Amino acid sequence: MDWTHLLAFNLTLLAAMAAPGPAFLFALRQSIAGGFRTGVATGAGLGLMAACWTGAALLGLEAVFRLVPWAYLALKIAGALYLLWIAYTLWRDARQPVSDSARPGAQAFWGGVLVNLANPKSVLFAGSVLIVIFPAGLSLASKALIVLNHFLVELIVYGLFAAMLATPPARAGYLRIKHWFDRAAGVILAALGLRLLLDR
């Protein structure tokens, strides 16, 4: 493995992060509603779990899921139900003050972990990307470097995202449309949860 493999992986990772999904939407809402620290804590949780999925793929969890489909199904159902729960709470609390609706501190971190834990398809995506980009027979040190690299890329991206969205103009704009934004976010997350639940 050399730096060109990591570069290709990082470019693929950035493209995947830019695609709207549960993690992107959750980070966006948390950063605007809770401010910079909440956004960074959320991003750290999202990044840690995403990196763990990459590590699991490197260690062969993708193959385990293919051999034991009920394990993947159980994790997928649990993840879909969690996304539906987040959607419900966003809809329910849409009219609540921001201080009551954003997850602060450690809650933000663990919320990020759970959102990415709720998407076991990540390990299948990681497995397919890793096979294409990296050479076979990677050492344990190389695998650890890939996982650490993944976490750092996600942390940097979500940190920049939080810094941009936690500005006073962004927060003021969010407060003006909080009710509608949270309801829309709830609908989108519910749709993503249902898609995960029903996807074969």
Protein backbone atom coordinates (compact mmCIF):
# COMPACT_ATOMS: atom_id res chain seq x y z
CA MET A 1 0.00 0.00 0.00
CA ASP A 2 1.24 3.53 -0.78
CA TRP A 3 -0.07 7.09 -0.58
CA THR A 4 -1.94 6.83 -3.89
CA HIS A 5 -4.18 4.12 -2.43
CA LEU A 6 -5.03 6.34 0.54
CA LEU A 7 -5.65 9.30 -1.78
CA ALA A 8 -8.09 7.25 -3.89
CA PHE A 9 -9.81 6.02 -0.73
CA ASN A 10 -10.12 9.55 0.67
CA LEU A 11 -11.59 10.92 -2.57
CA THR A 12 -14.14 8.10 -2.59
CA LEU A 13 -14.89 8.74 1.07
CA LEU A 14 -15.45 12.47 0.48
CA ALA A 15 -17.81 11.72 -2.39
CA ALA A 16 -19.76 9.29 -0.20
CA MET A 17 -19.96 11.82 2.67
CA ALA A 18 -21.33 14.48 0.32
CA ALA A 19 -24.29 12.28 -0.65
CA PRO A 20 -27.31 13.22 1.52
CA GLY A 21 -28.09 10.46 3.99
CA PRO A 22 -28.84 9.94 7.70
CA ALA A 23 -25.33 10.95 8.84
CA PHE A 24 -25.21 14.08 6.68
CA LEU A 25 -28.69 15.20 7.74
CA PHE A 26 -28.07 14.47 11.42
CA ALA A 27 -24.75 16.37 11.40
CA LEU A 28 -26.35 19.32 9.61
CA ARG A 29 -29.22 19.61 12.03
CA GLN A 30 -27.04 19.12 15.11
CA SER A 31 -24.48 21.72 14.01
CA ILE A 32 -27.07 24.40 13.31
CA ALA A 33 -29.25 23.70 16.34
CA GLY A 34 -26.56 22.95 18.92
CA GLY A 35 -23.58 25.02 17.79
CA PHE A 36 -19.96 24.22 17.02
CA ARG A 37 -19.17 21.92 19.97
CA THR A 38 -22.32 19.89 19.44
CA GLY A 39 -21.56 19.62 15.73
CA VAL A 40 -17.97 18.47 16.35
CA ALA A 41 -19.09 15.95 19.00
CA THR A 42 -21.69 14.60 16.60
CA GLY A 43 -19.10 14.39 13.82
CA ALA A 44 -16.67 12.56 16.11
CA GLY A 45 -19.33 9.94 16.85
CA LEU A 46 -20.28 9.59 13.20
CA GLY A 47 -16.62 9.35 12.17
CA LEU A 48 -15.72 6.81 14.84
CA MET A 49 -18.52 4.45 13.86
CA ALA A 50 -17.84 4.88 10.14
CA ALA A 51 -14.17 4.06 10.75
CA CYS A 52 -15.23 1.03 12.80
CA TRP A 53 -17.32 -0.21 9.85
CA THR A 54 -14.24 0.15 7.64
CA GLY A 55 -12.19 -1.77 10.19
CA ALA A 56 -14.87 -4.46 10.33
CA ALA A 57 -14.81 -4.74 6.53
CA LEU A 58 -11.01 -5.05 6.59
CA LEU A 59 -11.31 -7.84 9.15
CA GLY A 60 -13.90 -9.72 7.08
CA LEU A 61 -17.25 -8.78 8.63
CA GLU A 62 -18.69 -8.35 5.14
CA ALA A 63 -18.02 -12.05 4.51
CA VAL A 64 -19.64 -12.94 7.85
CA PHE A 65 -22.77 -10.99 6.89
CA ARG A 66 -22.92 -12.86 3.59
CA LEU A 67 -22.49 -16.24 5.31
CA VAL A 68 -24.90 -15.42 8.18
CA PRO A 69 -27.58 -13.24 6.56
CA TRP A 70 -29.82 -13.25 9.67
CA ALA A 71 -27.13 -11.32 11.60
CA TYR A 72 -27.10 -8.62 8.95
CA LEU A 73 -30.90 -8.61 8.85
CA ALA A 74 -31.16 -8.21 12.64
CA LEU A 75 -28.70 -5.31 12.65
CA LYS A 76 -30.44 -3.70 9.68
CA ILE A 77 -33.86 -3.89 11.35
CA ALA A 78 -32.50 -2.42 14.59
CA GLY A 79 -30.84 0.38 12.62
CA ALA A 80 -33.99 1.16 10.66
CA LEU A 81 -36.04 1.31 13.87
CA TYR A 82 -33.51 3.71 15.40
CA LEU A 83 -33.72 6.03 12.39
CA LEU A 84 -37.51 5.93 12.62
CA TRP A 85 -37.25 6.85 16.32
CA ILE A 86 -35.05 9.87 15.49
CA ALA A 87 -37.56 10.88 12.80
CA TYR A 88 -40.40 10.64 15.29
CA THR A 89 -38.61 12.74 17.93
CA LEU A 90 -37.72 15.41 15.36
CA TRP A 91 -41.34 15.63 14.27
CA ARG A 92 -42.62 15.57 17.87
CA ASP A 93 -40.19 18.24 19.12
CA ALA A 94 -40.31 20.51 16.08
CA ARG A 95 -41.97 23.29 18.07
CA GLN A 96 -39.70 22.91 21.12
CA PRO A 97 -36.97 25.51 21.83
CA VAL A 98 -33.55 24.71 20.35
CA SER A 99 -32.03 24.13 23.80
CA ASP A 100 -34.54 21.33 24.35
CA SER A 101 -34.18 19.68 20.94
CA ALA A 102 -30.43 19.55 20.19
CA ARG A 103 -28.34 16.77 21.69
CA PRO A 104 -25.48 18.39 23.65
CA GLY A 105 -22.06 17.06 24.69
CA ALA A 106 -21.76 13.31 25.17
CA GLN A 107 -25.30 12.83 23.88
CA ALA A 108 -24.23 14.36 20.58
CA PHE A 109 -21.25 11.99 20.34
CA TRP A 110 -23.28 8.86 21.12
CA GLY A 111 -26.08 10.07 18.86
CA GLY A 112 -23.55 10.20 16.02
CA VAL A 113 -22.27 6.72 16.86
CA LEU A 114 -25.79 5.29 16.87
CA VAL A 115 -26.79 6.97 13.59
CA ASN A 116 -23.89 5.32 11.75
CA LEU A 117 -24.32 2.08 13.70
CA ALA A 118 -27.87 2.11 12.36
CA ASN A 119 -26.59 1.62 8.82
CA PRO A 120 -24.95 -1.81 8.48
CA LYS A 121 -24.91 -1.30 4.70
CA SER A 122 -21.81 0.80 5.43
CA VAL A 123 -19.74 -2.34 5.97
CA LEU A 124 -20.84 -3.72 2.58
CA PHE A 125 -19.98 -0.40 0.92
CA ALA A 126 -16.62 -0.29 2.69
CA GLY A 127 -15.89 -3.87 1.72
CA SER A 128 -16.51 -3.24 -1.98
CA VAL A 129 -14.49 0.00 -1.99
CA LEU A 130 -11.56 -1.52 -0.12
CA ILE A 131 -11.31 -4.46 -2.52
CA VAL A 132 -11.18 -2.13 -5.52
CA ILE A 133 -8.73 0.41 -4.09
CA PHE A 134 -6.26 -1.48 -1.89
CA PRO A 135 -3.96 -4.38 -2.80
CA ALA A 136 -4.52 -7.81 -1.31
CA GLY A 137 -2.59 -9.04 1.71
CA LEU A 138 -2.56 -5.82 3.73
CA SER A 139 -0.63 -5.97 6.99
CA LEU A 140 -2.34 -5.28 10.31
CA ALA A 141 -0.45 -1.98 10.52
CA SER A 142 -1.75 -0.94 7.08
CA LYS A 143 -5.31 -1.83 8.09
CA ALA A 144 -4.94 0.22 11.28
CA LEU A 145 -3.63 3.15 9.23
CA ILE A 146 -6.64 2.97 6.88
CA VAL A 147 -9.05 2.99 9.83
CA LEU A 148 -7.25 5.91 11.53
CA ASN A 149 -7.14 7.80 8.23
CA HIS A 150 -10.89 7.25 7.76
CA PHE A 151 -11.66 8.60 11.24
CA LEU A 152 -9.46 11.69 10.77
CA VAL A 153 -10.99 12.53 7.38
CA GLU A 154 -14.52 12.31 8.82
CA LEU A 155 -13.56 14.34 11.90
CA ILE A 156 -11.98 17.12 9.80
CA VAL A 157 -14.91 17.26 7.37
CA TYR A 158 -17.56 17.33 10.10
CA GLY A 159 -15.49 19.87 12.07
CA LEU A 160 -15.41 22.21 9.07
CA PHE A 161 -19.10 21.52 8.49
CA ALA A 162 -19.88 22.46 12.12
CA ALA A 163 -17.78 25.63 11.93
CA MET A 164 -19.65 26.74 8.82
CA LEU A 165 -23.14 25.89 10.07
CA ALA A 166 -22.72 27.13 13.64
CA THR A 167 -22.28 30.75 12.54
CA PRO A 168 -24.84 33.32 13.82
CA PRO A 169 -26.42 33.82 10.34
CA ALA A 170 -26.89 30.07 9.87
CA ARG A 171 -28.34 29.68 13.36
CA ALA A 172 -30.65 32.68 12.93
CA GLY A 173 -31.89 31.28 9.64
CA TYR A 174 -32.51 27.90 11.25
CA LEU A 175 -34.45 29.46 14.13
CA ARG A 176 -36.76 31.18 11.65
CA ILE A 177 -37.67 27.91 9.96
CA LYS A 178 -36.99 25.41 12.79
CA HIS A 179 -40.50 24.00 12.81
CA TRP A 180 -40.51 23.29 9.08
CA PHE A 181 -36.85 22.21 8.91
CA ASP A 182 -37.22 19.68 11.73
CA ARG A 183 -40.43 18.31 10.26
CA ALA A 184 -38.77 17.95 6.85
CA ALA A 185 -35.72 16.30 8.43
CA GLY A 186 -38.04 13.92 10.28
CA VAL A 187 -39.81 12.94 7.06
CA ILE A 188 -36.52 12.37 5.21
CA LEU A 189 -35.06 10.28 8.04
CA ALA A 190 -38.27 8.27 8.27
CA ALA A 191 -38.08 7.60 4.53
CA LEU A 192 -34.44 6.51 4.86
CA GLY A 193 -35.34 4.27 7.81
CA LEU A 194 -38.20 2.67 5.87
CA ARG A 195 -35.95 2.19 2.86
CA LEU A 196 -33.36 0.46 5.03
CA LEU A 197 -36.08 -1.68 6.61
CA LEU A 198 -37.64 -2.73 3.29
CA ASP A 199 -34.49 -2.94 1.14
CA ARG A 200 -33.55 -6.49 0.23
